Amino acid sequence: MTPSGRPSGVVALLTAAALATAAALTGCAPSTSTGAAGGDERTGLLRVWLFREVDNGPKAAVVGKAVAAFAREHRGARVDVTYIPVETRAQRIKAAFNDPRSAPDVIEYGNTDTAGYVRDGGLADVTADFAAWPEARDTDPAARRSVTVDGKVYGAPLFVGVRALYYRTDVFRELGLRPPRTQAELAETARRIHRERPDLYGLAVGGSYTYGALPFLWANGGALAEKKGRKYTAAVDSEAAKRGITAYTGLFGEHNCPPAKCAQLGGNATVEAFASGRAAMAIGGDFSHRAVENGKAAGRYAVVPLPGAEEGSIAPAFAGGNNIGVLKSSSHRTLAVELMRTLTGKRTQSELFDAMGFLPTYTDVRREAARRQPYVEPFVRTLSAGAAFVPVTPAWAAIDAGQVLPVMFQEIVSGRRSVDAAASAAAKKMNSAFRAAG
């Protein structure tokens, strides 16, 4: 998963004179890493590919500071950072895997891409390096899972993103409402708001909003798939999963969010509906904060964890985010691992939070971030309650690209198929993808 809203663009290099000078500064040599596939040169140029943000300046400033610190500590090492458009990452990274001569040493990648990149043989196994890194001990479990495939670690988490419930405090006050404590109460609250304020969606939902829907499935005891050995089998057609699917798709209708307007909506569109004042509630991420602050809802909203099926519970949220990995083809393995640690270390993650709002993956750094910025607290609570993740398999990329889950939701809310029929069809598609992935 990567944050949405990044524009396409051309490659941008860190070319500031100060950074170039810093890259040549000397320092102590790194400790030896083992298992290098491409080589282990201790001097020379390291190439890094990171994702370009909508407003990339603050990110580049933090990265530049981290790279300068790395250069001071590693004699003869130089670093060249390229910012690539997230939309074209798949083609560029695949090409890099196939041509080591043009490949970077270190890359940023979405955490749902991990299994596919491991299958393609592009990422280096850094299990021992991660285990020996003291800071890694404070990495939260969901973030750790996002870099783990079949028990081996293939990178370090850079940031994590989760979703919670945004709601309009003025609307709730006017109607005498309280933040919902269960998903059933959430549905009833949405219906009441729309009934009394027909100009508003009670809760903006979207048929293409997979990561807004999954907490309903998980909260009702469902799962996307079950794993036996190394094989996955779809579980979206289980009774528990169908209870969650029913809970989510039941939010569509003239009583809240009409299918004609909401069936095609994705996550960005539902957040925009809230930010622009057209919805009283929405499921949005910590990364949605800036968009809401820039909209009509600014100053008139609050955030709470999305409730679960039982009162007092929090629905498991999808733990999205990005990671940093070392390419297997790197001829500077030790230096690349050290640079990975620098770019994902506690200091850098804390500064990226201040600059970009990226939620740290370290539990202690995240607590401190919540102390400095109270808006983060509901998202931290959500993570602490236990986040979930998609099946760690290359098949997930095909399932996601094939819109298997959105099609299932849309078929149900449009009335074209029952929950049973749509879930069964989705399960068949998922199992086909699992078999194709091996």
Protein backbone atom coordinates (compact mmCIF):
# COMPACT_ATOMS: atom_id res chain seq x y z
CA MET A 1 0.00 0.00 0.00
CA THR A 2 1.18 3.51 -0.74
CA PRO A 3 -0.45 6.83 0.11
CA SER A 4 -2.79 8.07 -2.58
CA GLY A 5 -2.67 11.36 -4.40
CA ARG A 6 0.89 11.36 -5.70
CA PRO A 7 1.22 12.94 -9.13
CA SER A 8 3.25 11.50 -11.95
CA GLY A 9 6.44 13.32 -12.75
CA VAL A 10 10.00 13.03 -13.84
CA VAL A 11 12.96 11.78 -11.85
CA ALA A 12 14.26 14.22 -9.25
CA LEU A 13 17.79 13.94 -7.90
CA LEU A 14 19.22 15.26 -4.66
CA THR A 15 21.62 17.71 -6.20
CA ALA A 16 22.05 20.33 -3.49
CA ALA A 17 25.67 21.31 -3.21
CA ALA A 18 25.68 20.83 0.53
CA LEU A 19 24.41 17.30 0.20
CA ALA A 20 26.93 16.46 -2.47
CA THR A 21 29.67 17.73 -0.20
CA ALA A 22 28.32 15.79 2.75
CA ALA A 23 28.26 12.62 0.69
CA ALA A 24 32.03 12.80 0.37
CA LEU A 25 32.72 13.27 4.07
CA THR A 26 34.64 10.53 5.83
CA GLY A 27 33.90 8.42 8.90
CA CYS A 28 34.11 4.94 10.34
CA ALA A 29 33.55 1.86 8.20
CA PRO A 30 30.45 -0.29 8.71
CA SER A 31 30.45 -3.76 10.23
CA THR A 32 30.45 -6.73 7.86
CA SER A 33 27.16 -8.21 6.60
CA THR A 34 27.00 -11.72 5.21
CA GLY A 35 25.12 -13.30 2.36
CA ALA A 36 25.68 -10.64 -0.28
CA ALA A 37 24.42 -11.77 -3.69
CA GLY A 38 25.66 -8.86 -5.78
CA GLY A 39 28.81 -7.95 -3.87
CA ASP A 40 29.99 -6.06 -0.82
CA GLU A 41 32.10 -3.10 -1.88
CA ARG A 42 32.79 -0.69 0.97
CA THR A 43 33.16 2.52 -1.03
CA GLY A 44 31.54 4.09 -4.05
CA LEU A 45 28.09 5.21 -5.15
CA LEU A 46 24.86 3.88 -3.68
CA ARG A 47 21.69 4.56 -5.66
CA VAL A 48 18.37 4.95 -3.88
CA TRP A 49 14.84 5.09 -5.34
CA LEU A 50 12.16 6.67 -3.19
CA PHE A 51 8.57 7.61 -3.99
CA ARG A 52 7.77 11.16 -4.99
CA GLU A 53 5.10 12.81 -2.81
CA VAL A 54 2.55 15.41 -3.85
CA ASP A 55 4.61 17.98 -1.95
CA ASN A 56 8.01 16.32 -2.02
CA GLY A 57 10.07 19.14 -0.52
CA PRO A 58 9.61 18.24 3.16
CA LYS A 59 10.35 14.56 2.51
CA ALA A 60 13.46 15.40 0.47
CA ALA A 61 14.72 17.65 3.28
CA VAL A 62 14.41 14.86 5.86
CA VAL A 63 16.00 12.32 3.53
CA GLY A 64 18.81 14.74 2.69
CA LYS A 65 19.61 15.17 6.37
CA ALA A 66 19.66 11.40 6.91
CA VAL A 67 21.85 10.81 3.86
CA ALA A 68 24.30 13.48 5.01
CA ALA A 69 24.56 11.78 8.41
CA PHE A 70 25.15 8.43 6.70
CA ALA A 71 27.89 9.91 4.52
CA ARG A 72 29.67 11.38 7.54
CA GLU A 73 29.80 7.92 9.13
CA HIS A 74 30.87 5.88 6.10
CA ARG A 75 34.20 6.68 4.49
CA GLY A 76 34.17 6.89 0.72
CA ALA A 77 30.42 6.28 0.38
CA ARG A 78 28.34 8.51 -1.86
CA VAL A 79 24.54 8.43 -2.16
CA ASP A 80 22.36 9.45 -5.09
CA VAL A 81 18.61 9.62 -4.34
CA THR A 82 16.05 9.50 -7.15
CA TYR A 83 12.35 10.20 -6.55
CA ILE A 84 10.12 8.15 -8.82
CA PRO A 85 6.36 8.47 -9.47
CA VAL A 86 4.48 5.84 -7.50
CA GLU A 87 2.20 5.19 -10.50
CA THR A 88 5.09 3.82 -12.58
CA ARG A 89 6.88 1.97 -9.79
CA ALA A 90 5.85 -1.51 -10.97
CA GLN A 91 7.42 -1.15 -14.42
CA ARG A 92 10.58 0.59 -13.17
CA ILE A 93 11.24 -1.81 -10.33
CA LYS A 94 10.58 -4.88 -12.47
CA ALA A 95 13.03 -3.53 -15.04
CA ALA A 96 15.58 -2.98 -12.28
CA PHE A 97 15.20 -6.58 -11.13
CA ASN A 98 15.89 -7.74 -14.69
CA ASP A 99 18.88 -5.45 -15.25
CA PRO A 100 21.14 -5.22 -12.17
CA ARG A 101 23.45 -2.76 -13.94
CA SER A 102 20.74 -0.08 -13.93
CA ALA A 103 19.22 -1.09 -10.61
CA PRO A 104 19.41 0.92 -7.40
CA ASP A 105 20.86 -0.49 -4.19
CA VAL A 106 17.96 0.56 -1.98
CA ILE A 107 14.27 1.08 -2.81
CA GLU A 108 11.08 2.26 -1.17
CA TYR A 109 8.14 -0.02 -1.87
CA GLY A 110 4.51 -0.44 -0.83
CA ASN A 111 4.07 -3.10 1.82
CA THR A 112 1.55 -5.09 -0.24
CA ASP A 113 4.31 -5.45 -2.88
CA THR A 114 6.63 -7.37 -0.55
CA ALA A 115 5.66 -10.93 -1.48
CA GLY A 116 5.69 -10.23 -5.21
CA TYR A 117 9.12 -8.64 -5.10
CA VAL A 118 10.44 -11.59 -3.09
CA ARG A 119 9.00 -14.02 -5.64
CA ASP A 120 10.67 -12.02 -8.41
CA GLY A 121 13.99 -12.45 -6.64
CA GLY A 122 14.60 -8.72 -6.31
CA LEU A 123 14.85 -8.14 -2.56
CA ALA A 124 17.73 -9.23 -0.34
CA ASP A 125 17.07 -11.34 2.74
CA VAL A 126 18.03 -9.10 5.69
CA THR A 127 16.68 -11.32 8.46
CA ALA A 128 19.93 -11.44 10.42
CA ASP A 129 20.59 -7.72 9.94
CA PHE A 130 17.10 -6.83 11.17
CA ALA A 131 17.38 -9.12 14.20
CA ALA A 132 20.75 -7.60 15.16
CA TRP A 133 19.45 -4.03 14.95
CA PRO A 134 18.49 -2.76 18.45
CA GLU A 135 15.93 -0.23 17.15
CA ALA A 136 14.02 -2.97 15.31
CA ARG A 137 12.92 -4.44 18.63
CA ASP A 138 10.41 -1.60 19.01
CA THR A 139 8.81 -2.17 15.58
CA ASP A 140 5.11 -2.90 15.95
CA PRO A 141 3.96 -6.42 14.96
CA ALA A 142 1.83 -5.34 11.99
CA ALA A 143 4.73 -3.40 10.45
CA ARG A 144 7.08 -6.32 11.07
CA ARG A 145 4.68 -8.67 9.25
CA SER A 146 4.70 -6.34 6.25
CA VAL A 147 8.40 -7.06 5.60
CA THR A 148 8.19 -10.78 6.38
CA VAL A 149 7.64 -13.58 3.86
CA ASP A 150 7.78 -17.23 4.95
CA GLY A 151 9.56 -16.24 8.16
CA LYS A 152 12.29 -14.19 6.46
CA VAL A 153 12.67 -10.41 6.56
CA TYR A 154 13.11 -8.46 3.32
CA GLY A 155 13.38 -4.83 4.41
CA ALA A 156 12.54 -2.40 7.18
CA PRO A 157 9.21 -0.59 7.66
CA LEU A 158 9.28 3.14 6.88
CA PHE A 159 5.81 4.20 8.01
CA VAL A 160 2.42 2.70 8.70
CA GLY A 161 -1.03 4.01 7.83
CA VAL A 162 -4.36 3.02 9.39
CA ARG A 163 -7.92 4.25 9.17
CA ALA A 164 -10.37 5.42 11.81
CA LEU A 165 -13.77 7.15 11.97
CA TYR A 166 -13.96 10.88 11.23
CA TYR A 167 -17.21 12.53 12.39
CA ARG A 168 -18.71 16.02 12.37
CA THR A 169 -18.88 17.30 15.94
CA ASP A 170 -21.36 20.06 15.06
CA VAL A 171 -23.82 17.65 13.42
CA PHE A 172 -23.56 15.20 16.30
CA ARG A 173 -24.12 18.01 18.80
CA GLU A 174 -27.15 19.38 16.93
CA LEU A 175 -28.77 15.94 16.73
CA GLY A 176 -27.81 14.85 20.23
CA LEU A 177 -25.68 11.96 19.01
CA ARG A 178 -22.65 10.25 20.53
CA PRO A 179 -19.80 8.59 18.64
CA PRO A 180 -20.98 5.06 17.79
CA ARG A 181 -19.72 2.23 19.98
CA THR A 182 -20.56 -0.72 17.74
CA GLN A 183 -20.93 -1.23 14.01
CA ALA A 184 -24.67 -1.71 14.46
CA GLU A 185 -24.84 1.67 16.23
CA LEU A 186 -22.70 3.15 13.45
CA ALA A 187 -25.28 2.04 10.88
CA GLU A 188 -28.19 3.37 12.95
CA THR A 189 -26.38 6.70 13.49
CA ALA A 190 -25.74 7.03 9.75
CA ARG A 191 -29.42 6.37 8.98
CA ARG A 192 -30.63 8.88 11.54
CA ILE A 193 -28.31 11.61 10.28
CA HIS A 194 -29.41 11.12 6.68
CA ARG A 195 -33.06 11.01 7.72
CA GLU A 196 -32.81 14.29 9.64
CA ARG A 197 -30.24 15.91 7.36
CA PRO A 198 -30.99 14.53 3.87
CA ASP A 199 -28.36 16.83 2.38
CA LEU A 200 -25.68 14.70 4.08
CA TYR A 201 -24.52 11.14 3.74
CA GLY A 202 -24.68 9.80 7.27
CA LEU A 203 -21.50 7.83 6.56
CA ALA A 204 -19.74 8.14 3.21
CA VAL A 205 -18.94 4.63 1.94
CA GLY A 206 -17.58 3.38 -1.37
CA GLY A 207 -17.96 0.19 -3.35
CA SER A 208 -14.34 0.58 -4.47
CA TYR A 209 -13.06 1.32 -0.97
CA THR A 210 -11.50 -2.06 -0.16
CA TYR A 211 -9.52 -0.91 2.86
CA GLY A 212 -12.54 0.87 4.34
CA ALA A 213 -14.61 -2.30 3.99
CA LEU A 214 -12.16 -4.87 5.35
CA PRO A 215 -12.47 -3.76 9.02
CA PHE A 216 -16.12 -4.86 8.90
CA LEU A 217 -15.13 -8.28 7.62
CA TRP A 218 -12.37 -8.68 10.21
CA ALA A 219 -14.46 -7.32 13.09
CA ASN A 220 -17.07 -10.00 12.47
CA GLY A 221 -14.50 -12.79 12.69
CA GLY A 222 -13.95 -13.15 8.97
CA ALA A 223 -10.76 -13.46 6.98
CA LEU A 224 -9.72 -12.88 3.39
CA ALA A 225 -7.93 -16.21 3.17
CA GLU A 226 -6.60 -19.08 5.23
CA LYS A 227 -3.06 -20.38 4.98
CA LYS A 228 -2.09 -24.04 5.21
CA GLY A 229 1.62 -24.57 4.77
CA ARG A 230 2.53 -22.19 1.98
CA LYS A 231 -0.84 -22.35 0.26
CA TYR A 232 -3.68 -19.86 0.61
CA THR A 233 -7.38 -20.63 0.22
CA ALA A 234 -10.00 -17.88 -0.04
CA ALA A 235 -12.20 -17.37 3.02
CA VAL A 236 -14.38 -14.46 1.89
CA ASP A 237 -17.26 -16.90 1.41
CA SER A 238 -17.17 -18.13 5.03
CA GLU A 239 -20.14 -17.36 7.26
CA ALA A 240 -18.10 -14.99 9.43
CA ALA A 241 -16.76 -13.10 6.42
CA LYS A 242 -20.25 -12.81 4.94
CA ARG A 243 -21.52 -11.27 8.20
CA GLY A 244 -18.90 -8.54 7.79
CA ILE A 245 -19.66 -8.10 4.09
CA THR A 246 -23.35 -7.75 4.93
CA ALA A 247 -22.56 -5.16 7.62
CA TYR A 248 -20.59 -3.04 5.15
CA THR A 249 -22.87 -3.34 2.12
CA GLY A 250 -25.88 -2.63 4.35
CA LEU A 251 -24.57 0.94 4.65
CA PHE A 252 -25.44 1.54 0.98
CA GLY A 253 -28.95 2.63 0.12
CA GLU A 254 -31.33 5.57 0.04
CA HIS A 255 -31.23 5.54 3.85
CA ASN A 256 -27.55 6.63 3.85
CA CYS A 257 -25.37 6.49 0.73
CA PRO A 258 -27.32 5.69 -2.49
CA PRO A 259 -25.68 3.03 -4.70
CA ALA A 260 -26.07 5.22 -7.78
CA LYS A 261 -23.75 7.77 -6.17
CA CYS A 262 -21.63 5.62 -3.84
CA ALA A 263 -21.07 2.23 -5.50
CA GLN A 264 -18.10 3.47 -7.53
CA LEU A 265 -16.51 5.62 -4.83
CA GLY A 266 -13.01 4.83 -3.61
CA GLY A 267 -11.29 5.88 -0.42
CA ASN A 268 -10.17 9.30 -1.63
CA ALA A 269 -13.69 10.15 -2.79
CA THR A 270 -15.28 9.22 0.54
CA VAL A 271 -12.76 11.35 2.44
CA GLU A 272 -13.39 14.20 0.00
CA ALA A 273 -17.13 13.90 0.66
CA PHE A 274 -16.44 14.39 4.36
CA ALA A 275 -13.85 17.14 3.92
CA SER A 276 -16.15 19.10 1.59
CA GLY A 277 -19.09 18.97 4.01
CA ARG A 278 -21.22 16.40 2.17
CA ALA A 279 -20.95 13.64 4.77
CA ALA A 280 -21.26 13.54 8.56
CA MET A 281 -18.89 10.58 8.90
CA ALA A 282 -16.19 8.88 6.87
CA ILE A 283 -13.54 6.22 7.32
CA GLY A 284 -10.23 7.96 6.72
CA GLY A 285 -6.57 7.47 7.47
CA ASP A 286 -4.08 9.35 9.56
CA PHE A 287 -2.79 10.42 6.14
CA SER A 288 -6.22 12.01 5.43
CA HIS A 289 -5.78 14.58 8.20
CA ARG A 290 -4.32 17.28 5.98
CA ALA A 291 -7.08 16.96 3.36
CA VAL A 292 -9.77 17.29 6.03
CA GLU A 293 -8.00 20.26 7.61
CA ASN A 294 -7.97 21.96 4.22
CA GLY A 295 -11.70 21.37 3.65
CA LYS A 296 -14.99 22.77 4.91
CA ALA A 297 -15.05 20.33 7.83
CA ALA A 298 -11.94 21.92 9.36
CA GLY A 299 -12.49 22.79 13.01
CA ARG A 300 -15.77 20.88 13.12
CA TYR A 301 -14.70 17.26 13.37
CA ALA A 302 -13.12 14.68 15.62
CA VAL A 303 -11.75 11.17 15.13
CA VAL A 304 -12.36 7.96 17.06
CA PRO A 305 -11.35 4.36 16.31
CA LEU A 306 -13.80 2.57 14.06
CA PRO A 307 -15.92 0.43 16.40
CA GLY A 308 -16.03 -3.33 16.18
CA ALA A 309 -18.99 -5.67 16.31
CA GLU A 310 -19.04 -5.74 20.12
CA GLU A 311 -19.31 -2.67 22.35
CA GLY A 312 -15.92 -1.49 23.53
CA SER A 313 -14.06 -3.22 20.71
CA ILE A 314 -12.08 -1.60 17.90
CA ALA A 315 -12.38 -2.96 14.38
CA PRO A 316 -9.06 -4.30 13.07
CA ALA A 317 -7.70 -1.82 10.51
CA PHE A 318 -5.62 -2.61 7.47
CA ALA A 319 -2.01 -1.78 8.28
CA GLY A 320 -0.88 -0.02 5.15
CA GLY A 321 2.38 1.78 4.64
CA ASN A 322 5.74 1.66 2.89
CA ASN A 323 9.00 -0.17 3.47
CA ILE A 324 12.64 0.26 2.51
CA GLY A 325 14.51 -2.73 1.10
CA VAL A 326 17.92 -3.68 -0.25
CA LEU A 327 18.13 -5.18 -3.73
CA LYS A 328 19.73 -8.60 -3.97
CA SER A 329 21.80 -7.33 -6.90
CA SER A 330 23.44 -4.54 -4.88
CA SER A 331 27.24 -4.58 -5.04
CA HIS A 332 27.33 -2.65 -1.73
CA ARG A 333 25.34 -4.94 0.53
CA THR A 334 26.75 -3.86 3.91
CA LEU A 335 26.52 -0.18 3.05
CA ALA A 336 23.02 -0.66 1.63
CA VAL A 337 21.82 -2.33 4.83
CA GLU A 338 23.33 0.49 6.89
CA LEU A 339 21.62 3.06 4.66
CA MET A 340 18.32 1.18 5.00
CA ARG A 341 18.69 1.43 8.78
CA THR A 342 19.46 5.15 8.55
CA LEU A 343 16.46 5.89 6.33
CA THR A 344 14.06 3.88 8.51
CA GLY A 345 15.60 4.58 11.91
CA LYS A 346 13.79 6.23 14.80
CA ARG A 347 15.23 9.68 14.20
CA THR A 348 14.28 9.70 10.51
CA GLN A 349 10.78 8.34 11.17
CA SER A 350 10.19 10.98 13.85
CA GLU A 351 11.28 13.72 11.46
CA LEU A 352 9.16 12.29 8.62
CA PHE A 353 6.15 12.41 10.93
CA ASP A 354 6.79 16.08 11.70
CA ALA A 355 7.38 16.88 8.02
CA MET A 356 4.81 14.67 6.27
CA GLY A 357 2.52 13.20 8.91
CA PHE A 358 3.76 9.65 8.21
CA LEU A 359 2.92 7.49 11.24
CA PRO A 360 6.07 5.90 12.73
CA THR A 361 6.35 2.11 12.88
CA TYR A 362 8.11 2.15 16.27
CA THR A 363 5.73 1.98 19.22
CA ASP A 364 7.78 4.37 21.37
CA VAL A 365 8.28 6.92 18.58
CA ARG A 366 4.57 6.74 17.77
CA ARG A 367 3.58 7.43 21.39
CA GLU A 368 5.80 10.49 21.37
CA ALA A 369 4.27 11.61 18.05
CA ALA A 370 0.79 11.33 19.57
CA ARG A 371 1.92 13.45 22.51
CA ARG A 372 3.11 16.18 20.14
CA GLN A 373 0.13 15.92 17.79
CA PRO A 374 -3.06 14.76 19.58
CA TYR A 375 -4.89 14.01 16.31
CA VAL A 376 -2.74 10.88 16.01
CA GLU A 377 -4.07 9.32 19.24
CA PRO A 378 -7.12 7.48 17.74
CA PHE A 379 -4.90 5.93 15.07
CA VAL A 380 -2.35 4.84 17.66
CA ARG A 381 -5.16 3.24 19.67
CA THR A 382 -6.36 1.50 16.53
CA LEU A 383 -2.92 0.04 15.89
CA SER A 384 -2.53 -0.95 19.53
CA ALA A 385 -5.82 -2.85 19.38
CA GLY A 386 -4.40 -5.05 16.62
CA ALA A 387 -4.19 -4.23 12.93
CA ALA A 388 -4.56 -6.75 10.11
CA PHE A 389 -2.91 -7.35 6.77
CA VAL A 390 -3.71 -8.88 3.41
CA PRO A 391 -2.42 -12.35 2.45
CA VAL A 392 1.36 -12.21 2.07
CA THR A 393 1.53 -13.74 -1.39
CA PRO A 394 2.29 -12.52 -4.91
CA ALA A 395 -1.32 -13.43 -5.72
CA TRP A 396 -2.55 -10.40 -3.80
CA ALA A 397 -1.26 -8.04 -6.51
CA ALA A 398 -3.38 -9.86 -9.10
CA ILE A 399 -6.42 -9.91 -6.79
CA ASP A 400 -6.05 -6.22 -6.08
CA ALA A 401 -5.41 -5.25 -9.72
CA GLY A 402 -8.36 -7.40 -10.81
CA GLN A 403 -10.70 -5.47 -8.49
CA VAL A 404 -12.02 -8.74 -7.10
CA LEU A 405 -13.30 -7.29 -3.82
CA PRO A 406 -14.72 -4.03 -5.26
CA VAL A 407 -16.62 -6.04 -7.88
CA MET A 408 -18.04 -8.21 -5.09
CA PHE A 409 -19.19 -5.18 -3.08
CA GLN A 410 -20.62 -3.45 -6.14
CA GLU A 411 -22.56 -6.52 -7.24
CA ILE A 412 -24.16 -6.71 -3.82
CA VAL A 413 -25.05 -3.04 -3.38
CA SER A 414 -26.44 -2.81 -6.91
CA GLY A 415 -28.65 -5.84 -6.32
CA ARG A 416 -27.11 -7.85 -9.15
CA ARG A 417 -26.05 -10.65 -6.80
CA SER A 418 -26.80 -11.80 -3.27
CA VAL A 419 -24.09 -11.76 -0.62
CA ASP A 420 -23.75 -15.54 -0.92
CA ALA A 421 -23.42 -15.50 -4.72
CA ALA A 422 -21.05 -12.52 -4.86
CA ALA A 423 -18.81 -13.87 -2.09
CA SER A 424 -18.68 -17.28 -3.78
CA ALA A 425 -17.68 -15.71 -7.10
CA ALA A 426 -14.99 -13.61 -5.41
CA ALA A 427 -13.62 -16.68 -3.62
CA LYS A 428 -13.31 -18.54 -6.93
CA LYS A 429 -11.36 -15.65 -8.47
CA MET A 430 -9.08 -15.43 -5.44
CA ASN A 431 -8.39 -19.17 -5.47
CA SER A 432 -7.52 -18.98 -9.15
CA ALA A 433 -4.99 -16.24 -8.34
CA PHE A 434 -3.58 -18.25 -5.43
CA ARG A 435 -3.10 -21.30 -7.65
CA ALA A 436 -1.43 -19.23 -10.38
CA ALA A 437 1.01 -17.79 -7.85
CA GLY A 438 2.08 -21.30 -6.81
